[in-house]
């Protein structure tokens, strides 16, 4: 097998590691490409290609994350990870665990960790690397890595919601949610929302947003119902789709361009959090991006027009 073939075989794993460390599709893809360039330039063949490439992509991602932290501190409004529609790394036996590890909620918890803690946690807790491999990847001793994992696990456990609902149950609840949403059914929506539900968005100051968020079942239900009818009337489409391993949707304008994504956190048979990514800079990898300002203007005009 050639180096290029070996690399392509491991590319899904490398991207999945980088994405979980960085929370950015574009930065993860760049990290994987840089990993290939370094592998191609390596004069000797590594004893374990997987260990070598995983170490390289992890180190690159750690460096990128350290510089990205400064930009994220200056970010306008809420910062969310770039939405990922499908994780290329497939492991049927651990599909549920892997899906939960790329949820918006999990990735936001990972933001609490230092870059080194985050990388060690991802390699050990998500992908099951041995401590020897983890130590080699991040350039620390095994003992230090064990301490880093303990600290990271403590931070994650302190903030992690327990996803008690099975995947099938979550999908069914999400289906009912989007049915009620498309129909503008306030009562139907309210029944599916937790009393303290919150709807928050990431626009980066580059797209319209509903203030700092909408809170409470009644407010969220009425806001969603008020948005969807005029949106559909102008040709908009709400396309249910898994987002970051969880139930969600892609909103498209009449030309099929992406307006935003929506991801649902479901716990105890209710929707706890609704997260929308509207920043056009974070949607380009999903396809052509709509002008959200123009869409909102048209939605507002449609809302004011009397229905037939």
C-alpha atoms as a PDB file:
ATOM      1  CA  UNK A   1       0.000   0.000   0.000  1.00  0.00           C
ATOM      2  CA  UNK A   2       1.381   3.417  -0.932  1.00  0.00           C
ATOM      3  CA  UNK A   3       1.646   6.301   1.527  1.00  0.00           C
ATOM      4  CA  UNK A   4      -1.193   8.082  -0.232  1.00  0.00           C
ATOM      5  CA  UNK A   5      -3.425   5.003   0.108  1.00  0.00           C
ATOM      6  CA  UNK A   6      -2.530   4.582   3.783  1.00  0.00           C
ATOM      7  CA  UNK A   7      -3.287   8.232   4.410  1.00  0.00           C
ATOM      8  CA  UNK A   8      -6.645   8.112   2.621  1.00  0.00           C
ATOM      9  CA  UNK A   9      -7.639   5.084   4.670  1.00  0.00           C
ATOM     10  CA  UNK A  10      -6.940   6.982   7.900  1.00  0.00           C
ATOM     11  CA  UNK A  11      -8.255  10.379   6.755  1.00  0.00           C
ATOM     12  CA  UNK A  12     -11.735   9.905   8.349  1.00  0.00           C
ATOM     13  CA  UNK A  13     -10.127   9.200  11.732  1.00  0.00           C
ATOM     14  CA  UNK A  14      -7.738  12.150  11.408  1.00  0.00           C
ATOM     15  CA  UNK A  15     -10.533  14.557  10.515  1.00  0.00           C
ATOM     16  CA  UNK A  16     -12.677  13.278  13.379  1.00  0.00           C
ATOM     17  CA  UNK A  17      -9.856  13.805  15.879  1.00  0.00           C
ATOM     18  CA  UNK A  18      -9.110  17.303  14.562  1.00  0.00           C
ATOM     19  CA  UNK A  19     -12.771  18.347  14.482  1.00  0.00           C
ATOM     20  CA  UNK A  20     -13.351  17.332  18.097  1.00  0.00           C
ATOM     21  CA  UNK A  21     -10.263  19.244  19.198  1.00  0.00           C
ATOM     22  CA  UNK A  22     -11.041  22.338  17.115  1.00  0.00           C
ATOM     23  CA  UNK A  23     -14.829  22.477  16.698  1.00  0.00           C
ATOM     24  CA  UNK A  24     -14.273  23.770  13.176  1.00  0.00           C
ATOM     25  CA  UNK A  25     -14.744  21.881   9.921  1.00  0.00           C
ATOM     26  CA  UNK A  26     -12.508  24.202   7.903  1.00  0.00           C
ATOM     27  CA  UNK A  27      -9.705  24.202  10.491  1.00  0.00           C
ATOM     28  CA  UNK A  28      -9.941  20.409  10.850  1.00  0.00           C
ATOM     29  CA  UNK A  29      -9.648  19.972   7.083  1.00  0.00           C
ATOM     30  CA  UNK A  30      -6.610  22.273   7.042  1.00  0.00           C
ATOM     31  CA  UNK A  31      -5.036  20.279   9.881  1.00  0.00           C
ATOM     32  CA  UNK A  32      -5.546  17.030   7.984  1.00  0.00           C
ATOM     33  CA  UNK A  33      -4.014  18.517   4.833  1.00  0.00           C
ATOM     34  CA  UNK A  34      -0.990  19.759   6.796  1.00  0.00           C
ATOM     35  CA  UNK A  35      -0.662  16.276   8.316  1.00  0.00           C
ATOM     36  CA  UNK A  36      -0.448  14.779   4.832  1.00  0.00           C
ATOM     37  CA  UNK A  37       2.269  17.255   3.816  1.00  0.00           C
ATOM     38  CA  UNK A  38       4.348  16.355   6.860  1.00  0.00           C
ATOM     39  CA  UNK A  39       3.839  12.631   6.314  1.00  0.00           C
ATOM     40  CA  UNK A  40       4.799  12.955   2.667  1.00  0.00           C
ATOM     41  CA  UNK A  41       7.993  14.778   3.668  1.00  0.00           C
ATOM     42  CA  UNK A  42       8.976  12.231   6.342  1.00  0.00           C
ATOM     43  CA  UNK A  43      12.100  10.379   5.124  1.00  0.00           C
ATOM     44  CA  UNK A  44      11.479   7.153   7.070  1.00  0.00           C
ATOM     45  CA  UNK A  45       8.378   4.991   7.282  1.00  0.00           C
ATOM     46  CA  UNK A  46       6.801   5.097  10.787  1.00  0.00           C
ATOM     47  CA  UNK A  47       6.413   1.791  12.621  1.00  0.00           C
ATOM     48  CA  UNK A  48       2.722   2.598  13.112  1.00  0.00           C
ATOM     49  CA  UNK A  49       1.231   4.893  10.493  1.00  0.00           C
ATOM     50  CA  UNK A  50      -1.958   5.343  12.516  1.00  0.00           C
ATOM     51  CA  UNK A  51      -0.072   6.380  15.661  1.00  0.00           C
ATOM     52  CA  UNK A  52       2.213   8.691  13.703  1.00  0.00           C
ATOM     53  CA  UNK A  53      -0.560  10.460  11.785  1.00  0.00           C
ATOM     54  CA  UNK A  54      -2.792  10.738  14.861  1.00  0.00           C
ATOM     55  CA  UNK A  55       0.074  12.339  16.757  1.00  0.00           C
ATOM     56  CA  UNK A  56       0.815  14.795  13.955  1.00  0.00           C
ATOM     57  CA  UNK A  57      -2.794  15.886  13.475  1.00  0.00           C
ATOM     58  CA  UNK A  58      -3.254  16.239  17.252  1.00  0.00           C
ATOM     59  CA  UNK A  59      -0.208  18.473  17.619  1.00  0.00           C
ATOM     60  CA  UNK A  60      -1.273  20.620  14.689  1.00  0.00           C
ATOM     61  CA  UNK A  61      -4.781  20.925  16.122  1.00  0.00           C
ATOM     62  CA  UNK A  62      -3.429  21.895  19.568  1.00  0.00           C
ATOM     63  CA  UNK A  63      -1.358  24.696  18.009  1.00  0.00           C
ATOM     64  CA  UNK A  64      -4.302  25.928  15.941  1.00  0.00           C
ATOM     65  CA  UNK A  65      -6.619  25.855  18.957  1.00  0.00           C
ATOM     66  CA  UNK A  66      -4.213  27.937  21.044  1.00  0.00           C
ATOM     67  CA  UNK A  67      -4.328  30.747  18.493  1.00  0.00           C
ATOM     68  CA  UNK A  68      -8.068  30.265  17.893  1.00  0.00           C
ATOM     69  CA  UNK A  69      -8.772  30.813  21.600  1.00  0.00           C
ATOM     70  CA  UNK A  70      -7.860  34.491  21.265  1.00  0.00           C
ATOM     71  CA  UNK A  71     -10.230  34.944  18.322  1.00  0.00           C
ATOM     72  CA  UNK A  72     -13.044  33.158  20.164  1.00  0.00           C
ATOM     73  CA  UNK A  73     -12.659  35.453  23.171  1.00  0.00           C
ATOM     74  CA  UNK A  74     -13.254  38.411  20.842  1.00  0.00           C
ATOM     75  CA  UNK A  75     -16.137  36.732  18.994  1.00  0.00           C
ATOM     76  CA  UNK A  76     -19.376  38.698  18.704  1.00  0.00           C
ATOM     77  CA  UNK A  77     -22.138  36.961  20.678  1.00  0.00           C
ATOM     78  CA  UNK A  78     -22.399  33.224  21.315  1.00  0.00           C
ATOM     79  CA  UNK A  79     -19.737  30.997  19.721  1.00  0.00           C
ATOM     80  CA  UNK A  80     -20.863  27.576  18.501  1.00  0.00           C
ATOM     81  CA  UNK A  81     -18.875  24.911  16.631  1.00  0.00           C
ATOM     82  CA  UNK A  82     -19.243  24.729  12.859  1.00  0.00           C
ATOM     83  CA  UNK A  83     -22.130  22.326  12.181  1.00  0.00           C
ATOM     84  CA  UNK A  84     -21.136  18.851  11.042  1.00  0.00           C
ATOM     85  CA  UNK A  85     -23.736  16.837   9.160  1.00  0.00           C
ATOM     86  CA  UNK A  86     -21.921  13.502   9.133  1.00  0.00           C
ATOM     87  CA  UNK A  87     -18.884  12.199  10.989  1.00  0.00           C
ATOM     88  CA  UNK A  88     -16.724  10.383   8.400  1.00  0.00           C
ATOM     89  CA  UNK A  89     -15.264   8.077  11.042  1.00  0.00           C
ATOM     90  CA  UNK A  90     -17.488   5.011  11.243  1.00  0.00           C
ATOM     91  CA  UNK A  91     -17.496   2.521  14.098  1.00  0.00           C
ATOM     92  CA  UNK A  92     -20.882   0.723  14.244  1.00  0.00           C
ATOM     93  CA  UNK A  93     -20.213  -0.669  17.717  1.00  0.00           C
ATOM     94  CA  UNK A  94     -19.635   2.818  19.146  1.00  0.00           C
ATOM     95  CA  UNK A  95     -21.823   4.914  16.871  1.00  0.00           C
ATOM     96  CA  UNK A  96     -23.974   6.317  19.698  1.00  0.00           C
ATOM     97  CA  UNK A  97     -20.947   7.320  21.801  1.00  0.00           C
ATOM     98  CA  UNK A  98     -19.241   8.915  18.817  1.00  0.00           C
ATOM     99  CA  UNK A  99     -22.409  10.816  17.899  1.00  0.00           C
ATOM    100  CA  UNK A 100     -22.756  12.201  21.428  1.00  0.00           C
ATOM    101  CA  UNK A 101     -19.100  13.293  21.406  1.00  0.00           C
ATOM    102  CA  UNK A 102     -19.717  15.675  18.481  1.00  0.00           C
ATOM    103  CA  UNK A 103     -22.978  17.103  19.811  1.00  0.00           C
ATOM    104  CA  UNK A 104     -23.047  20.875  20.211  1.00  0.00           C
ATOM    105  CA  UNK A 105     -23.401  20.383  23.968  1.00  0.00           C
ATOM    106  CA  UNK A 106     -20.314  18.132  24.191  1.00  0.00           C
ATOM    107  CA  UNK A 107     -18.171  20.380  21.993  1.00  0.00           C
ATOM    108  CA  UNK A 108     -19.123  23.429  24.052  1.00  0.00           C
ATOM    109  CA  UNK A 109     -18.105  21.553  27.203  1.00  0.00           C
ATOM    110  CA  UNK A 110     -14.763  20.764  25.559  1.00  0.00           C
ATOM    111  CA  UNK A 111     -14.269  24.533  25.165  1.00  0.00           C
ATOM    112  CA  UNK A 112     -13.815  24.663  28.949  1.00  0.00           C
ATOM    113  CA  UNK A 113     -10.655  22.572  28.706  1.00  0.00           C
ATOM    114  CA  UNK A 114      -7.154  23.729  27.873  1.00  0.00           C
ATOM    115  CA  UNK A 115      -5.974  22.739  24.374  1.00  0.00           C
ATOM    116  CA  UNK A 116      -3.776  20.004  25.867  1.00  0.00           C
ATOM    117  CA  UNK A 117      -6.561  18.646  28.095  1.00  0.00           C
ATOM    118  CA  UNK A 118      -8.927  18.677  25.157  1.00  0.00           C
ATOM    119  CA  UNK A 119      -6.567  16.725  22.905  1.00  0.00           C
ATOM    120  CA  UNK A 120      -5.780  14.142  25.595  1.00  0.00           C
ATOM    121  CA  UNK A 121      -9.467  13.723  26.428  1.00  0.00           C
ATOM    122  CA  UNK A 122     -10.423  13.255  22.765  1.00  0.00           C
ATOM    123  CA  UNK A 123      -7.675  10.724  22.066  1.00  0.00           C
ATOM    124  CA  UNK A 124      -8.204   8.703  25.237  1.00  0.00           C
ATOM    125  CA  UNK A 125     -11.908   9.012  26.086  1.00  0.00           C
ATOM    126  CA  UNK A 126     -13.432   9.250  22.612  1.00  0.00           C
ATOM    127  CA  UNK A 127     -11.106   7.194  20.436  1.00  0.00           C
ATOM    128  CA  UNK A 128      -9.708   4.841  23.066  1.00  0.00           C
ATOM    129  CA  UNK A 129      -5.998   5.402  22.425  1.00  0.00           C
ATOM    130  CA  UNK A 130      -3.664   3.827  24.965  1.00  0.00           C
ATOM    131  CA  UNK A 131      -1.883   6.176  27.353  1.00  0.00           C
ATOM    132  CA  UNK A 132       1.413   5.405  25.643  1.00  0.00           C
ATOM    133  CA  UNK A 133      -0.012   6.542  22.306  1.00  0.00           C
ATOM    134  CA  UNK A 134      -1.603   9.617  23.892  1.00  0.00           C
ATOM    135  CA  UNK A 135       1.664  10.560  25.598  1.00  0.00           C
ATOM    136  CA  UNK A 136       3.555  10.213  22.332  1.00  0.00           C
ATOM    137  CA  UNK A 137       0.952  12.275  20.481  1.00  0.00           C
ATOM    138  CA  UNK A 138       1.025  15.273  22.839  1.00  0.00           C
ATOM    139  CA  UNK A 139       4.638  15.088  23.957  1.00  0.00           C
ATOM    140  CA  UNK A 140       3.950  14.474  27.660  1.00  0.00           C
ATOM    141  CA  UNK A 141       4.634  11.575  30.013  1.00  0.00           C
ATOM    142  CA  UNK A 142       2.024   8.879  30.561  1.00  0.00           C
ATOM    143  CA  UNK A 143       1.645   9.995  34.177  1.00  0.00           C
ATOM    144  CA  UNK A 144       1.005  13.582  33.077  1.00  0.00           C
ATOM    145  CA  UNK A 145      -1.549  12.396  30.527  1.00  0.00           C
ATOM    146  CA  UNK A 146      -3.380  10.384  33.175  1.00  0.00           C
ATOM    147  CA  UNK A 147      -3.639  13.521  35.313  1.00  0.00           C
ATOM    148  CA  UNK A 148      -4.829  15.540  32.316  1.00  0.00           C
ATOM    149  CA  UNK A 149      -7.546  12.968  31.588  1.00  0.00           C
ATOM    150  CA  UNK A 150      -8.726  13.008  35.209  1.00  0.00           C
ATOM    151  CA  UNK A 151      -8.950  16.820  35.187  1.00  0.00           C
ATOM    152  CA  UNK A 152     -10.671  16.883  31.802  1.00  0.00           C
ATOM    153  CA  UNK A 153     -13.146  14.166  32.798  1.00  0.00           C
ATOM    154  CA  UNK A 154     -13.996  16.101  35.976  1.00  0.00           C
ATOM    155  CA  UNK A 155     -14.758  19.261  33.971  1.00  0.00           C
ATOM    156  CA  UNK A 156     -16.817  17.340  31.429  1.00  0.00           C
ATOM    157  CA  UNK A 157     -18.810  15.380  34.020  1.00  0.00           C
ATOM    158  CA  UNK A 158     -19.617  18.557  35.961  1.00  0.00           C
ATOM    159  CA  UNK A 159     -21.400  20.101  32.997  1.00  0.00           C
ATOM    160  CA  UNK A 160     -22.587  17.114  30.982  1.00  0.00           C
ATOM    161  CA  UNK A 161     -26.301  16.485  30.578  1.00  0.00           C
ATOM    162  CA  UNK A 162     -27.183  12.814  30.809  1.00  0.00           C
ATOM    163  CA  UNK A 163     -28.729  11.699  27.547  1.00  0.00           C
ATOM    164  CA  UNK A 164     -31.096   9.145  29.022  1.00  0.00           C
ATOM    165  CA  UNK A 165     -33.375   8.916  25.997  1.00  0.00           C
ATOM    166  CA  UNK A 166     -32.426   6.332  23.418  1.00  0.00           C
ATOM    167  CA  UNK A 167     -31.580   7.392  19.909  1.00  0.00           C
ATOM    168  CA  UNK A 168     -34.881   6.120  18.500  1.00  0.00           C
ATOM    169  CA  UNK A 169     -36.881   7.983  21.156  1.00  0.00           C
ATOM    170  CA  UNK A 170     -35.000  11.201  20.401  1.00  0.00           C
ATOM    171  CA  UNK A 171     -35.641  10.831  16.681  1.00  0.00           C
ATOM    172  CA  UNK A 172     -39.354  10.311  17.266  1.00  0.00           C
ATOM    173  CA  UNK A 173     -39.602  13.370  19.506  1.00  0.00           C
ATOM    174  CA  UNK A 174     -37.668  15.439  16.959  1.00  0.00           C
ATOM    175  CA  UNK A 175     -40.046  14.261  14.242  1.00  0.00           C
ATOM    176  CA  UNK A 176     -43.026  15.473  16.268  1.00  0.00           C
ATOM    177  CA  UNK A 177     -41.241  18.759  16.916  1.00  0.00           C
ATOM    178  CA  UNK A 178     -40.589  19.487  13.245  1.00  0.00           C
ATOM    179  CA  UNK A 179     -44.132  18.454  12.273  1.00  0.00           C
ATOM    180  CA  UNK A 180     -45.529  20.956  14.800  1.00  0.00           C
ATOM    181  CA  UNK A 181     -42.976  23.545  13.733  1.00  0.00           C
ATOM    182  CA  UNK A 182     -43.829  23.359  10.026  1.00  0.00           C
ATOM    183  CA  UNK A 183     -47.524  23.658  10.895  1.00  0.00           C
ATOM    184  CA  UNK A 184     -46.926  26.645  13.172  1.00  0.00           C
ATOM    185  CA  UNK A 185     -48.633  24.680  15.968  1.00  0.00           C
ATOM    186  CA  UNK A 186     -47.879  26.655  19.142  1.00  0.00           C
ATOM    187  CA  UNK A 187     -49.611  24.171  21.461  1.00  0.00           C
ATOM    188  CA  UNK A 188     -47.909  21.216  19.822  1.00  0.00           C
ATOM    189  CA  UNK A 189     -44.514  22.875  20.161  1.00  0.00           C
ATOM    190  CA  UNK A 190     -45.089  23.912  23.763  1.00  0.00           C
ATOM    191  CA  UNK A 191     -45.811  20.317  24.806  1.00  0.00           C
ATOM    192  CA  UNK A 192     -42.436  19.167  23.483  1.00  0.00           C
ATOM    193  CA  UNK A 193     -40.355  21.926  25.082  1.00  0.00           C
ATOM    194  CA  UNK A 194     -38.902  21.884  28.591  1.00  0.00           C
ATOM    195  CA  UNK A 195     -40.303  24.660  30.784  1.00  0.00           C
ATOM    196  CA  UNK A 196     -36.875  26.331  30.905  1.00  0.00           C
ATOM    197  CA  UNK A 197     -35.955  25.660  27.263  1.00  0.00           C
ATOM    198  CA  UNK A 198     -33.620  28.153  25.631  1.00  0.00           C
ATOM    199  CA  UNK A 199     -33.174  29.014  21.963  1.00  0.00           C
ATOM    200  CA  UNK A 200     -29.821  30.605  21.218  1.00  0.00           C
ATOM    201  CA  UNK A 201     -27.953  31.411  18.030  1.00  0.00           C
ATOM    202  CA  UNK A 202     -24.476  32.044  16.650  1.00  0.00           C
ATOM    203  CA  UNK A 203     -24.416  34.822  14.065  1.00  0.00           C
ATOM    204  CA  UNK A 204     -20.963  36.239  14.756  1.00  0.00           C
ATOM    205  CA  UNK A 205     -22.550  39.632  14.145  1.00  0.00           C
ATOM    206  CA  UNK A 206     -22.824  38.743  10.447  1.00  0.00           C
ATOM    207  CA  UNK A 207     -26.475  37.653  10.259  1.00  0.00           C
ATOM    208  CA  UNK A 208     -29.778  38.635  11.909  1.00  0.00           C
ATOM    209  CA  UNK A 209     -30.482  37.132  15.308  1.00  0.00           C
ATOM    210  CA  UNK A 210     -33.222  37.258  17.946  1.00  0.00           C
ATOM    211  CA  UNK A 211     -31.252  39.192  20.576  1.00  0.00           C
ATOM    212  CA  UNK A 212     -29.309  37.170  23.138  1.00  0.00           C
ATOM    213  CA  UNK A 213     -31.790  34.299  23.010  1.00  0.00           C
ATOM    214  CA  UNK A 214     -35.373  33.287  23.638  1.00  0.00           C
ATOM    215  CA  UNK A 215     -36.194  31.582  26.949  1.00  0.00           C
ATOM    216  CA  UNK A 216     -39.118  29.575  28.290  1.00  0.00           C
ATOM    217  CA  UNK A 217     -41.482  27.160  26.532  1.00  0.00           C
ATOM    218  CA  UNK A 218     -44.194  29.735  25.784  1.00  0.00           C
ATOM    219  CA  UNK A 219     -41.801  32.311  24.292  1.00  0.00           C
ATOM    220  CA  UNK A 220     -39.856  29.773  22.256  1.00  0.00           C
ATOM    221  CA  UNK A 221     -43.010  28.093  20.898  1.00  0.00           C
ATOM    222  CA  UNK A 222     -44.529  31.413  19.832  1.00  0.00           C
ATOM    223  CA  UNK A 223     -41.270  32.647  18.281  1.00  0.00           C
ATOM    224  CA  UNK A 224     -40.827  29.456  16.251  1.00  0.00           C
ATOM    225  CA  UNK A 225     -44.448  29.452  15.074  1.00  0.00           C
ATOM    226  CA  UNK A 226     -44.236  33.117  14.078  1.00  0.00           C
ATOM    227  CA  UNK A 227     -41.095  32.480  12.022  1.00  0.00           C
ATOM    228  CA  UNK A 228     -42.026  29.371  10.092  1.00  0.00           C
ATOM    229  CA  UNK A 229     -45.272  30.362   8.356  1.00  0.00           C
ATOM    230  CA  UNK A 230     -43.900  33.390   6.476  1.00  0.00           C
ATOM    231  CA  UNK A 231     -40.622  31.544   5.853  1.00  0.00           C
ATOM    232  CA  UNK A 232     -42.454  28.709   4.109  1.00  0.00           C
ATOM    233  CA  UNK A 233     -44.691  31.210   2.305  1.00  0.00           C
ATOM    234  CA  UNK A 234     -41.647  32.780   0.597  1.00  0.00           C
ATOM    235  CA  UNK A 235     -40.410  29.364  -0.550  1.00  0.00           C
ATOM    236  CA  UNK A 236     -38.208  28.505   2.411  1.00  0.00           C
ATOM    237  CA  UNK A 237     -37.661  24.849   3.294  1.00  0.00           C
ATOM    238  CA  UNK A 238     -37.076  23.254   6.695  1.00  0.00           C
ATOM    239  CA  UNK A 239     -35.112  20.071   6.000  1.00  0.00           C
ATOM    240  CA  UNK A 240     -34.827  17.744   9.018  1.00  0.00           C
ATOM    241  CA  UNK A 241     -31.268  16.485   9.162  1.00  0.00           C
ATOM    242  CA  UNK A 242     -28.912  15.125  11.772  1.00  0.00           C
ATOM    243  CA  UNK A 243     -26.606  17.930  12.931  1.00  0.00           C
ATOM    244  CA  UNK A 244     -23.569  17.084  15.042  1.00  0.00           C
ATOM    245  CA  UNK A 245     -24.879  13.605  15.697  1.00  0.00           C
ATOM    246  CA  UNK A 246     -28.177  14.902  17.087  1.00  0.00           C
ATOM    247  CA  UNK A 247     -31.632  15.697  15.717  1.00  0.00           C
ATOM    248  CA  UNK A 248     -31.703  18.955  13.804  1.00  0.00           C
ATOM    249  CA  UNK A 249     -32.507  20.675  10.540  1.00  0.00           C
ATOM    250  CA  UNK A 250     -31.123  22.749   7.702  1.00  0.00           C
ATOM    251  CA  UNK A 251     -33.066  25.844   6.648  1.00  0.00           C
ATOM    252  CA  UNK A 252     -32.848  26.672   2.945  1.00  0.00           C
ATOM    253  CA  UNK A 253     -34.173  29.560   0.898  1.00  0.00           C
ATOM    254  CA  UNK A 254     -36.223  29.061  -2.270  1.00  0.00           C
ATOM    255  CA  UNK A 255     -33.028  28.523  -4.275  1.00  0.00           C
ATOM    256  CA  UNK A 256     -31.793  25.783  -1.961  1.00  0.00           C
ATOM    257  CA  UNK A 257     -29.116  27.959  -0.350  1.00  0.00           C
ATOM    258  CA  UNK A 258     -28.358  27.409   3.328  1.00  0.00           C
ATOM    259  CA  UNK A 259     -29.819  29.997   5.700  1.00  0.00           C
ATOM    260  CA  UNK A 260     -28.935  28.302   8.993  1.00  0.00           C
ATOM    261  CA  UNK A 261     -28.799  25.012  10.850  1.00  0.00           C
ATOM    262  CA  UNK A 262     -30.713  24.032  13.968  1.00  0.00           C
ATOM    263  CA  UNK A 263     -29.628  21.415  16.518  1.00  0.00           C
ATOM    264  CA  UNK A 264     -31.782  20.068  19.358  1.00  0.00           C
ATOM    265  CA  UNK A 265     -30.661  18.921  22.804  1.00  0.00           C
ATOM    266  CA  UNK A 266     -33.181  16.353  24.023  1.00  0.00           C
ATOM    267  CA  UNK A 267     -33.292  15.091  27.596  1.00  0.00           C
ATOM    268  CA  UNK A 268     -36.019  13.437  29.694  1.00  0.00           C
ATOM    269  CA  UNK A 269     -38.436  13.388  26.755  1.00  0.00           C
ATOM    270  CA  UNK A 270     -38.261  17.147  26.202  1.00  0.00           C
ATOM    271  CA  UNK A 271     -36.259  19.612  24.139  1.00  0.00           C
ATOM    272  CA  UNK A 272     -33.922  21.443  26.482  1.00  0.00           C
ATOM    273  CA  UNK A 273     -31.928  23.652  24.111  1.00  0.00           C
ATOM    274  CA  UNK A 274     -32.250  24.754  20.498  1.00  0.00           C
ATOM    275  CA  UNK A 275     -29.040  26.024  18.922  1.00  0.00           C
ATOM    276  CA  UNK A 276     -28.961  27.794  15.568  1.00  0.00           C
ATOM    277  CA  UNK A 277     -25.821  28.524  13.557  1.00  0.00           C
ATOM    278  CA  UNK A 278     -26.496  31.502  11.295  1.00  0.00           C
ATOM    279  CA  UNK A 279     -22.983  32.904  10.813  1.00  0.00           C
ATOM    280  CA  UNK A 280     -22.406  32.536   7.034  1.00  0.00           C
ATOM    281  CA  UNK A 281     -18.685  31.924   7.647  1.00  0.00           C
ATOM    282  CA  UNK A 282     -19.590  28.663   9.413  1.00  0.00           C
ATOM    283  CA  UNK A 283     -22.003  27.353   6.759  1.00  0.00           C
ATOM    284  CA  UNK A 284     -19.978  27.428   3.526  1.00  0.00           C
ATOM    285  CA  UNK A 285     -18.929  23.767   3.787  1.00  0.00           C
ATOM    286  CA  UNK A 286     -22.629  22.799   3.587  1.00  0.00           C
ATOM    287  CA  UNK A 287     -23.139  24.401   0.167  1.00  0.00           C
ATOM    288  CA  UNK A 288     -24.018  27.841  -1.235  1.00  0.00           C
ATOM    289  CA  UNK A 289     -25.041  30.191   1.591  1.00  0.00           C
ATOM    290  CA  UNK A 290     -28.088  32.428   1.450  1.00  0.00           C
ATOM    291  CA  UNK A 291     -28.169  36.135   2.275  1.00  0.00           C
ATOM    292  CA  UNK A 292     -29.851  35.811   5.674  1.00  0.00           C
ATOM    293  CA  UNK A 293     -30.541  39.538   5.900  1.00  0.00           C
ATOM    294  CA  UNK A 294     -32.473  39.414   2.628  1.00  0.00           C
ATOM    295  CA  UNK A 295     -34.367  36.307   3.772  1.00  0.00           C
ATOM    296  CA  UNK A 296     -35.408  37.990   7.023  1.00  0.00           C
ATOM    297  CA  UNK A 297     -36.539  41.129   5.195  1.00  0.00           C
ATOM    298  CA  UNK A 298     -38.693  39.002   2.908  1.00  0.00           C
ATOM    299  CA  UNK A 299     -40.040  37.012   5.867  1.00  0.00           C
ATOM    300  CA  UNK A 300     -41.035  40.245   7.616  1.00  0.00           C
ATOM    301  CA  UNK A 301     -42.771  41.495   4.474  1.00  0.00           C
ATOM    302  CA  UNK A 302     -44.633  38.200   4.146  1.00  0.00           C
ATOM    303  CA  UNK A 303     -45.676  38.397   7.807  1.00  0.00           C
ATOM    304  CA  UNK A 304     -47.261  41.797   7.205  1.00  0.00           C
ATOM    305  CA  UNK A 305     -49.098  40.718   4.035  1.00  0.00           C
ATOM    306  CA  UNK A 306     -52.617  39.365   4.589  1.00  0.00           C
ATOM    307  CA  UNK A 307     -53.058  35.681   3.754  1.00  0.00           C
ATOM    308  CA  UNK A 308     -55.455  34.604   1.046  1.00  0.00           C
END
